[in-house]
Each structure stands twice: as C-alpha cells, then as structure tokens.
Amino acid sequence: MHGVVLPRQPAKRPGQEGLAAVLRDTRVPVWTPWPLPLGWLVTGFVTVGDERSGVRAAAVALSGPGLLSGPADMILVAEEPGIGLGAYYAGLMNGPDPGSGFDEGPPHAKLEVSGPTATCGHSVPMWSVPSSEPDRAVYVGEALANWLWAVLWPADAGVLMLERPHLLDLREPGMNLDLPFGAYSPHLDD
C-alpha cells in the first residue's frame, strides 16, 4: 500500500510571477541562500501538491560560478517527509526519504537558516548522502520539521556547502528582496 501520491506541478520560470505562484499555497519553507553567493542567480521553481492539500514540497533552482571550476547548479528542496522530490533530484533509488542511518556520525556541513518561524542563527546540520548519479553532490538535513535537501552539479560543486551558506525562507512576511533571476535551469526537468 502506498500513501497519497501528490502531483508534481509544472516547473515555474524564474521571475516574480513564478515565485509568487510558489509562495501562494506553500506549507513548507521556500529556501534560498541570502545573500546569494557572488554571481549566482535564481533559475526556477518546482512544487509538489495541489490546491486542496497545498504545496508540500518546494524546490528553488540556482546557478552560478563553482568554487573549483566552471559553472555550477544547485537545487534546494524543502519537503514534508514521504514526498520524495528531494530524493528524486538526488538520484536516490531507495525511497522518498534519505533512509535510515544517513545522519550517523558528525554532519558534513552546516547551514544557517532564518524565516517566519526560524530564529536567526539556527544551525542546520547536513549530511552528505551517496547518489546513484555520480554527476552530483547531495546533502540532506532537517529544518523546521521538513527535509532540507541541497543537490549540486557537478559533484565538485558540493564544496559550496563548506562555505556555511545562510538560507532565508522566502515566506517571511514583508520581505522585499531584489532576487536576481537568470535563465531557466534544465535540472528542474530532469
């Protein structure tokens, strides 16, 4: 028996309209690094859910220069347990969540988060999770009772996580961020 399978909505193009559509019905954080790393742009959005249940998973795609070489891409996913959007982008084949034991041992990276219900300076431990796809680096942790996934391409872009980025939940009321938007990320369609 499977639980309820929620629909993955068509990807939304980068821009204020796409962001507004994600924020309208979301029940999960909508994370972005803030301030964005130098040269990085927001490159699209994906959600899972429907009008009745609301958005139960939200992904924000970003692109910019890698620290080691060439361009890099990142997708940040916040989702309720059991949804599977993060595991999908991570290339995991063993189910919708990272699996038992992923968090054994010390975390491989930490992120700072803030937003409507997050306090400034809240640190989120993240663990590297092996992917069946060698072209990407995958980190997962838990923030605000939801999974937080960071999937980065190419795999060496995972060193960006060592910079200890600060994530902002875009649901924060009254925010007037001037997010820079770039070309649509093809990784959203993978």
Protein backbone atom coordinates (compact mmCIF):
# COMPACT_ATOMS: atom_id res chain seq x y z
CA MET A 1 0.00 0.00 0.00
CA HIS A 2 1.19 3.47 -0.83
CA GLY A 3 0.19 6.73 0.78
CA VAL A 4 -1.27 9.63 -1.11
CA VAL A 5 0.78 10.49 -4.19
CA LEU A 6 0.70 14.22 -4.76
CA PRO A 7 1.20 15.70 -8.22
CA ARG A 8 4.42 17.38 -9.24
CA GLN A 9 3.40 20.67 -10.80
CA PRO A 10 5.00 22.02 -13.99
CA ALA A 11 8.20 23.94 -13.29
CA LYS A 12 7.82 27.68 -12.92
CA ARG A 13 10.12 30.02 -14.80
CA PRO A 14 12.45 32.29 -12.86
CA GLY A 15 10.84 35.63 -12.01
CA GLN A 16 8.49 37.31 -9.59
CA GLU A 17 5.43 35.56 -11.10
CA GLY A 18 6.96 32.11 -10.58
CA LEU A 19 7.98 32.96 -7.03
CA ALA A 20 4.53 34.36 -6.21
CA ALA A 21 2.89 31.17 -7.50
CA VAL A 22 5.10 29.04 -5.23
CA LEU A 23 4.52 31.23 -2.18
CA ARG A 24 0.73 31.40 -2.62
CA ASP A 25 -0.11 27.89 -1.33
CA THR A 26 3.07 26.64 0.30
CA ARG A 27 3.08 24.75 3.58
CA VAL A 28 6.86 24.24 3.54
CA PRO A 29 9.80 26.67 3.55
CA VAL A 30 10.97 28.14 0.26
CA TRP A 31 14.73 28.34 0.83
CA THR A 32 17.30 30.44 -0.98
CA PRO A 33 20.81 31.41 0.03
CA TRP A 34 20.79 35.05 1.15
CA PRO A 35 22.74 36.93 0.31
CA LEU A 36 23.29 34.90 -2.83
CA PRO A 37 26.89 33.86 -3.50
CA LEU A 38 28.65 36.26 -5.85
CA GLY A 39 27.44 35.74 -9.42
CA TRP A 40 24.61 33.37 -8.51
CA LEU A 41 21.07 33.69 -9.89
CA VAL A 42 17.68 32.10 -9.12
CA THR A 43 16.81 29.93 -12.12
CA GLY A 44 13.36 28.46 -11.45
CA PHE A 45 10.96 26.69 -9.10
CA VAL A 46 9.12 23.37 -8.77
CA THR A 47 6.36 22.37 -6.35
CA VAL A 48 4.55 19.19 -5.35
CA GLY A 49 0.96 19.37 -4.13
CA ASP A 50 -2.42 20.56 -5.28
CA GLU A 51 -4.99 23.24 -4.50
CA ARG A 52 -6.62 21.10 -1.85
CA SER A 53 -3.51 19.97 0.04
CA GLY A 54 -1.29 22.98 -0.67
CA VAL A 55 2.36 22.89 -1.68
CA ARG A 56 4.01 20.11 0.35
CA ALA A 57 7.41 20.29 -1.38
CA ALA A 58 9.13 23.32 -2.90
CA ALA A 59 12.36 23.46 -4.89
CA VAL A 60 14.38 26.55 -5.77
CA ALA A 61 17.00 26.24 -8.52
CA LEU A 62 20.11 28.43 -8.62
CA SER A 63 23.09 28.74 -10.95
CA GLY A 64 26.44 30.47 -10.70
CA PRO A 65 30.18 30.03 -10.73
CA GLY A 66 31.60 27.00 -8.96
CA LEU A 67 34.38 27.39 -6.42
CA LEU A 68 36.66 24.87 -8.15
CA SER A 69 35.87 25.11 -11.84
CA GLY A 70 33.27 26.31 -14.31
CA PRO A 71 29.55 26.83 -13.76
CA ALA A 72 27.57 25.13 -11.01
CA ASP A 73 23.90 24.48 -10.29
CA MET A 74 22.05 23.88 -7.04
CA ILE A 75 18.51 22.85 -6.19
CA LEU A 76 17.30 23.42 -2.63
CA VAL A 77 14.27 21.33 -1.68
CA ALA A 78 12.08 21.64 1.41
CA GLU A 79 9.52 18.90 1.76
CA GLU A 80 7.38 17.04 4.22
CA PRO A 81 8.66 13.53 4.95
CA GLY A 82 7.47 10.94 2.42
CA ILE A 83 7.05 13.30 -0.56
CA GLY A 84 10.21 12.30 -2.47
CA LEU A 85 11.08 15.40 -4.54
CA GLY A 86 14.49 15.78 -2.88
CA ALA A 87 15.29 12.08 -3.29
CA TYR A 88 14.27 12.34 -6.95
CA TYR A 89 16.72 15.17 -7.68
CA ALA A 90 19.35 13.45 -5.52
CA GLY A 91 19.13 10.31 -7.66
CA LEU A 92 18.27 8.07 -4.70
CA MET A 93 16.58 4.81 -5.56
CA ASN A 94 15.65 3.56 -2.07
CA GLY A 95 12.52 5.63 -1.39
CA PRO A 96 11.25 9.17 -0.86
CA ASP A 97 13.42 9.96 2.17
CA PRO A 98 17.19 9.73 2.75
CA GLY A 99 16.91 6.38 4.51
CA SER A 100 17.92 5.22 7.95
CA GLY A 101 21.43 5.90 9.16
CA PHE A 102 22.13 8.85 6.86
CA ASP A 103 22.77 11.01 9.92
CA GLU A 104 25.12 8.66 11.75
CA GLY A 105 28.32 10.41 12.65
CA PRO A 106 29.06 14.12 12.65
CA PRO A 107 27.47 16.31 9.97
CA HIS A 108 29.49 17.08 6.85
CA ALA A 109 28.27 20.69 6.63
CA LYS A 110 26.09 23.18 8.49
CA LEU A 111 23.74 25.85 7.20
CA GLU A 112 22.30 28.85 8.98
CA VAL A 113 18.56 29.40 8.45
CA SER A 114 16.08 32.17 9.15
CA GLY A 115 12.48 32.86 8.22
CA PRO A 116 8.96 33.19 9.64
CA THR A 117 9.40 30.51 12.28
CA ALA A 118 13.19 30.12 12.25
CA THR A 119 15.29 32.16 14.59
CA CYS A 120 18.39 33.88 13.28
CA GLY A 121 21.48 31.85 13.90
CA HIS A 122 19.67 28.50 13.86
CA SER A 123 22.18 25.99 12.56
CA VAL A 124 21.05 23.01 10.46
CA PRO A 125 23.41 20.01 10.27
CA MET A 126 23.64 18.48 6.79
CA TRP A 127 24.97 15.05 5.85
CA SER A 128 26.37 14.00 2.51
CA VAL A 129 24.28 11.22 1.01
CA PRO A 130 25.63 8.95 -1.75
CA SER A 131 23.77 9.28 -5.02
CA SER A 132 23.36 6.69 -7.74
CA GLU A 133 24.25 9.55 -10.12
CA PRO A 134 27.99 10.42 -9.96
CA ASP A 135 27.46 13.86 -11.54
CA ARG A 136 26.05 15.47 -8.38
CA ALA A 137 26.70 16.10 -4.69
CA VAL A 138 23.81 15.60 -2.27
CA TYR A 139 23.33 16.90 1.27
CA VAL A 140 20.29 16.41 3.48
CA GLY A 141 19.18 17.58 6.90
CA GLU A 142 16.05 18.64 8.76
CA ALA A 143 14.86 22.22 9.18
CA LEU A 144 11.53 23.36 10.63
CA ALA A 145 10.23 19.75 10.74
CA ASN A 146 10.80 19.27 6.98
CA TRP A 147 13.55 17.66 4.97
CA LEU A 148 16.06 20.11 3.56
CA TRP A 149 17.96 18.83 0.51
CA ALA A 150 20.81 20.53 -1.34
CA VAL A 151 21.67 18.91 -4.67
CA LEU A 152 24.64 20.40 -6.56
CA TRP A 153 26.01 19.84 -10.07
CA PRO A 154 28.75 18.99 -10.89
CA ALA A 155 29.73 16.83 -7.94
CA ASP A 156 32.71 19.04 -7.05
CA ALA A 157 30.27 21.94 -6.54
CA GLY A 158 29.50 20.28 -3.20
CA VAL A 159 32.40 22.27 -1.73
CA LEU A 160 30.00 25.25 -1.74
CA MET A 161 28.37 23.68 1.31
CA LEU A 162 31.59 24.19 3.26
CA GLU A 163 31.07 27.96 2.92
CA ARG A 164 28.27 27.58 5.51
CA PRO A 165 25.66 29.45 3.49
CA HIS A 166 22.82 31.30 5.18
CA LEU A 167 19.37 30.24 3.92
CA LEU A 168 16.37 32.54 4.04
CA ASP A 169 12.79 31.26 3.94
CA LEU A 170 11.12 33.40 1.29
CA ARG A 171 7.76 33.07 3.10
CA GLU A 172 8.98 35.77 5.52
CA PRO A 173 6.22 38.41 5.59
CA GLY A 174 7.08 41.90 4.38
CA MET A 175 10.26 40.88 2.59
CA ASN A 176 11.11 42.93 -0.42
CA LEU A 177 14.18 41.12 -1.73
CA ASP A 178 15.58 42.03 -5.10
CA LEU A 179 16.27 38.46 -6.20
CA PRO A 180 18.36 38.27 -9.36
CA PHE A 181 16.81 35.85 -11.85
CA GLY A 182 18.67 34.03 -14.62
CA ALA A 183 17.96 31.58 -17.42
CA TYR A 184 15.73 28.60 -16.62
CA SER A 185 17.54 25.59 -15.12
CA PRO A 186 17.24 22.39 -17.17
CA HIS A 187 17.87 20.38 -13.97
CA LEU A 188 14.28 21.15 -12.92
CA ASP A 189 13.11 18.95 -15.80
CA ASP A 190 15.50 16.04 -15.05
